[in-house]
Amino acid sequence: MVEHGVTRARVIGDGGWGTALALDLAKNQIPVTIWSAFPAHARELSQTRENKRFLPGIRIPDEIVV
């Protein structure tokens, strides 16, 4: 267990803020899932591991579930 007491997180929203939050959580070793209201965008995020629209060039680690 991680010392901050958070065992997992879900981020609702796949925009710039949601993706950045998920990246920060994952960086702090918190298992995180990004939820998207848009299935096509969720597939793109999951396949390319990049939010090209809001955070181009920033890789989404494999540990983050979309």
N, C-alpha and C. Protein backbone atom coordinates (compact mmCIF):
# COMPACT_ATOMS: atom_id res chain seq x y z
N MET A 1 0.85 -1.18 0.00
CA MET A 1 0.00 0.00 0.00
C MET A 1 0.89 1.24 0.00
N VAL A 2 0.45 2.26 -0.70
CA VAL A 2 1.18 3.51 -0.79
C VAL A 2 0.94 4.32 0.49
N GLU A 3 1.94 5.03 0.96
CA GLU A 3 1.87 5.70 2.25
C GLU A 3 0.82 6.79 2.38
N HIS A 4 0.34 7.36 1.27
CA HIS A 4 -0.65 8.43 1.36
C HIS A 4 -2.06 7.91 1.58
N GLY A 5 -2.27 6.62 1.56
CA GLY A 5 -3.55 6.03 1.87
C GLY A 5 -4.51 5.89 0.71
N VAL A 6 -4.22 6.49 -0.43
CA VAL A 6 -5.07 6.35 -1.60
C VAL A 6 -4.69 5.04 -2.29
N THR A 7 -5.67 4.18 -2.51
CA THR A 7 -5.37 2.87 -3.10
C THR A 7 -5.64 2.81 -4.59
N ARG A 8 -6.51 3.67 -5.09
CA ARG A 8 -6.79 3.75 -6.53
C ARG A 8 -7.65 4.98 -6.80
N ALA A 9 -7.67 5.38 -8.08
CA ALA A 9 -8.44 6.59 -8.44
C ALA A 9 -9.07 6.41 -9.80
N ARG A 10 -10.17 7.11 -10.00
CA ARG A 10 -10.81 7.19 -11.31
C ARG A 10 -10.99 8.66 -11.63
N VAL A 11 -10.57 9.02 -12.82
CA VAL A 11 -10.70 10.40 -13.28
C VAL A 11 -11.82 10.44 -14.30
N ILE A 12 -12.81 11.27 -14.05
CA ILE A 12 -13.93 11.40 -14.97
C ILE A 12 -13.63 12.58 -15.90
N GLY A 13 -13.39 12.24 -17.15
CA GLY A 13 -13.06 13.24 -18.15
C GLY A 13 -11.70 12.97 -18.77
N ASP A 14 -11.66 13.03 -20.09
CA ASP A 14 -10.43 12.70 -20.82
C ASP A 14 -9.82 13.91 -21.50
N GLY A 15 -10.17 15.10 -21.02
CA GLY A 15 -9.59 16.32 -21.58
C GLY A 15 -8.19 16.55 -21.03
N GLY A 16 -7.70 17.75 -21.19
CA GLY A 16 -6.37 18.08 -20.72
C GLY A 16 -6.21 17.96 -19.22
N TRP A 17 -7.17 18.50 -18.47
CA TRP A 17 -7.09 18.43 -17.01
C TRP A 17 -7.20 17.00 -16.51
N GLY A 18 -8.14 16.24 -17.06
CA GLY A 18 -8.32 14.86 -16.62
C GLY A 18 -7.10 14.01 -16.92
N THR A 19 -6.54 14.19 -18.11
CA THR A 19 -5.35 13.42 -18.48
C THR A 19 -4.16 13.81 -17.62
N ALA A 20 -3.98 15.12 -17.39
CA ALA A 20 -2.88 15.58 -16.55
C ALA A 20 -3.02 15.05 -15.12
N LEU A 21 -4.23 15.06 -14.60
CA LEU A 21 -4.47 14.53 -13.25
C LEU A 21 -4.14 13.04 -13.19
N ALA A 22 -4.58 12.30 -14.19
CA ALA A 22 -4.28 10.86 -14.24
C ALA A 22 -2.78 10.61 -14.31
N LEU A 23 -2.07 11.42 -15.10
CA LEU A 23 -0.61 11.29 -15.19
C LEU A 23 0.05 11.54 -13.84
N ASP A 24 -0.42 12.56 -13.12
CA ASP A 24 0.16 12.88 -11.82
C ASP A 24 -0.13 11.78 -10.80
N LEU A 25 -1.34 11.26 -10.82
CA LEU A 25 -1.68 10.17 -9.91
C LEU A 25 -0.81 8.95 -10.19
N ALA A 26 -0.66 8.60 -11.46
CA ALA A 26 0.16 7.44 -11.83
C ALA A 26 1.62 7.66 -11.43
N LYS A 27 2.10 8.88 -11.60
CA LYS A 27 3.47 9.21 -11.22
C LYS A 27 3.69 8.97 -9.72
N ASN A 28 2.63 9.14 -8.95
CA ASN A 28 2.68 8.91 -7.51
C ASN A 28 2.26 7.50 -7.13
N GLN A 29 2.34 6.60 -8.10
CA GLN A 29 2.09 5.16 -7.91
C GLN A 29 0.68 4.84 -7.44
N ILE A 30 -0.28 5.62 -7.91
CA ILE A 30 -1.69 5.35 -7.61
C ILE A 30 -2.31 4.77 -8.87
N PRO A 31 -2.84 3.55 -8.81
CA PRO A 31 -3.52 2.98 -9.98
C PRO A 31 -4.70 3.87 -10.37
N VAL A 32 -4.77 4.21 -11.65
CA VAL A 32 -5.78 5.17 -12.08
C VAL A 32 -6.44 4.73 -13.38
N THR A 33 -7.72 5.05 -13.49
CA THR A 33 -8.51 4.81 -14.70
C THR A 33 -9.05 6.15 -15.16
N ILE A 34 -8.94 6.40 -16.47
CA ILE A 34 -9.56 7.59 -17.06
C ILE A 34 -10.89 7.15 -17.69
N TRP A 35 -11.97 7.83 -17.32
CA TRP A 35 -13.28 7.56 -17.91
C TRP A 35 -13.58 8.63 -18.94
N SER A 36 -14.08 8.21 -20.08
CA SER A 36 -14.43 9.13 -21.15
C SER A 36 -15.89 8.96 -21.55
N ALA A 37 -16.54 10.05 -21.85
CA ALA A 37 -17.92 10.00 -22.35
C ALA A 37 -17.95 9.71 -23.85
N PHE A 38 -16.77 9.68 -24.47
CA PHE A 38 -16.68 9.53 -25.91
C PHE A 38 -15.91 8.26 -26.26
N PRO A 39 -16.60 7.18 -26.61
CA PRO A 39 -15.94 5.90 -26.87
C PRO A 39 -14.83 5.97 -27.92
N ALA A 40 -15.02 6.74 -28.97
CA ALA A 40 -13.99 6.83 -30.02
C ALA A 40 -12.72 7.47 -29.47
N HIS A 41 -12.87 8.50 -28.65
CA HIS A 41 -11.70 9.15 -28.06
C HIS A 41 -11.02 8.22 -27.05
N ALA A 42 -11.81 7.49 -26.29
CA ALA A 42 -11.25 6.53 -25.33
C ALA A 42 -10.43 5.48 -26.07
N ARG A 43 -10.94 4.98 -27.19
CA ARG A 43 -10.19 3.99 -27.98
C ARG A 43 -8.88 4.58 -28.48
N GLU A 44 -8.95 5.82 -28.97
CA GLU A 44 -7.74 6.48 -29.46
C GLU A 44 -6.70 6.64 -28.34
N LEU A 45 -7.14 7.10 -27.19
CA LEU A 45 -6.22 7.25 -26.05
C LEU A 45 -5.60 5.91 -25.68
N SER A 46 -6.41 4.90 -25.63
CA SER A 46 -5.95 3.57 -25.24
C SER A 46 -4.97 2.98 -26.26
N GLN A 47 -5.23 3.20 -27.53
CA GLN A 47 -4.38 2.62 -28.57
C GLN A 47 -3.10 3.41 -28.79
N THR A 48 -3.20 4.73 -28.83
CA THR A 48 -2.01 5.55 -29.14
C THR A 48 -1.23 5.92 -27.89
N ARG A 49 -1.87 5.83 -26.71
CA ARG A 49 -1.26 6.21 -25.43
C ARG A 49 -0.82 7.67 -25.43
N GLU A 50 -1.65 8.51 -26.11
CA GLU A 50 -1.38 9.94 -26.18
C GLU A 50 -2.70 10.69 -26.36
N ASN A 51 -2.87 11.79 -25.65
CA ASN A 51 -4.03 12.64 -25.83
C ASN A 51 -3.62 13.73 -26.83
N LYS A 52 -3.70 13.40 -28.12
CA LYS A 52 -3.20 14.27 -29.18
C LYS A 52 -3.90 15.62 -29.23
N ARG A 53 -5.14 15.66 -28.82
CA ARG A 53 -5.90 16.92 -28.89
C ARG A 53 -5.50 17.89 -27.78
N PHE A 54 -5.32 17.39 -26.56
CA PHE A 54 -5.11 18.27 -25.41
C PHE A 54 -3.68 18.27 -24.87
N LEU A 55 -2.97 17.15 -24.99
CA LEU A 55 -1.60 17.06 -24.48
C LEU A 55 -0.70 16.34 -25.50
N PRO A 56 -0.55 16.90 -26.68
CA PRO A 56 0.25 16.23 -27.70
C PRO A 56 1.69 16.06 -27.25
N GLY A 57 2.23 14.89 -27.56
CA GLY A 57 3.62 14.60 -27.24
C GLY A 57 3.85 14.04 -25.85
N ILE A 58 2.81 13.99 -25.03
CA ILE A 58 2.93 13.43 -23.68
C ILE A 58 2.39 12.01 -23.69
N ARG A 59 3.24 11.05 -23.35
CA ARG A 59 2.84 9.65 -23.37
C ARG A 59 2.02 9.29 -22.14
N ILE A 60 0.94 8.55 -22.35
CA ILE A 60 0.13 8.02 -21.26
C ILE A 60 0.70 6.65 -20.91
N PRO A 61 1.20 6.47 -19.70
CA PRO A 61 1.81 5.19 -19.33
C PRO A 61 0.82 4.04 -19.44
N ASP A 62 1.37 2.86 -19.71
CA ASP A 62 0.54 1.66 -19.83
C ASP A 62 -0.22 1.34 -18.55
N GLU A 63 0.27 1.82 -17.41
CA GLU A 63 -0.38 1.55 -16.13
C GLU A 63 -1.73 2.26 -15.99
N ILE A 64 -1.93 3.31 -16.79
CA ILE A 64 -3.21 4.03 -16.75
C ILE A 64 -4.21 3.31 -17.65
N VAL A 65 -5.34 2.97 -17.09
CA VAL A 65 -6.40 2.30 -17.85
C VAL A 65 -7.34 3.36 -18.39
N VAL A 66 -7.70 3.22 -19.67
CA VAL A 66 -8.65 4.17 -20.27
C VAL A 66 -9.94 3.41 -20.54
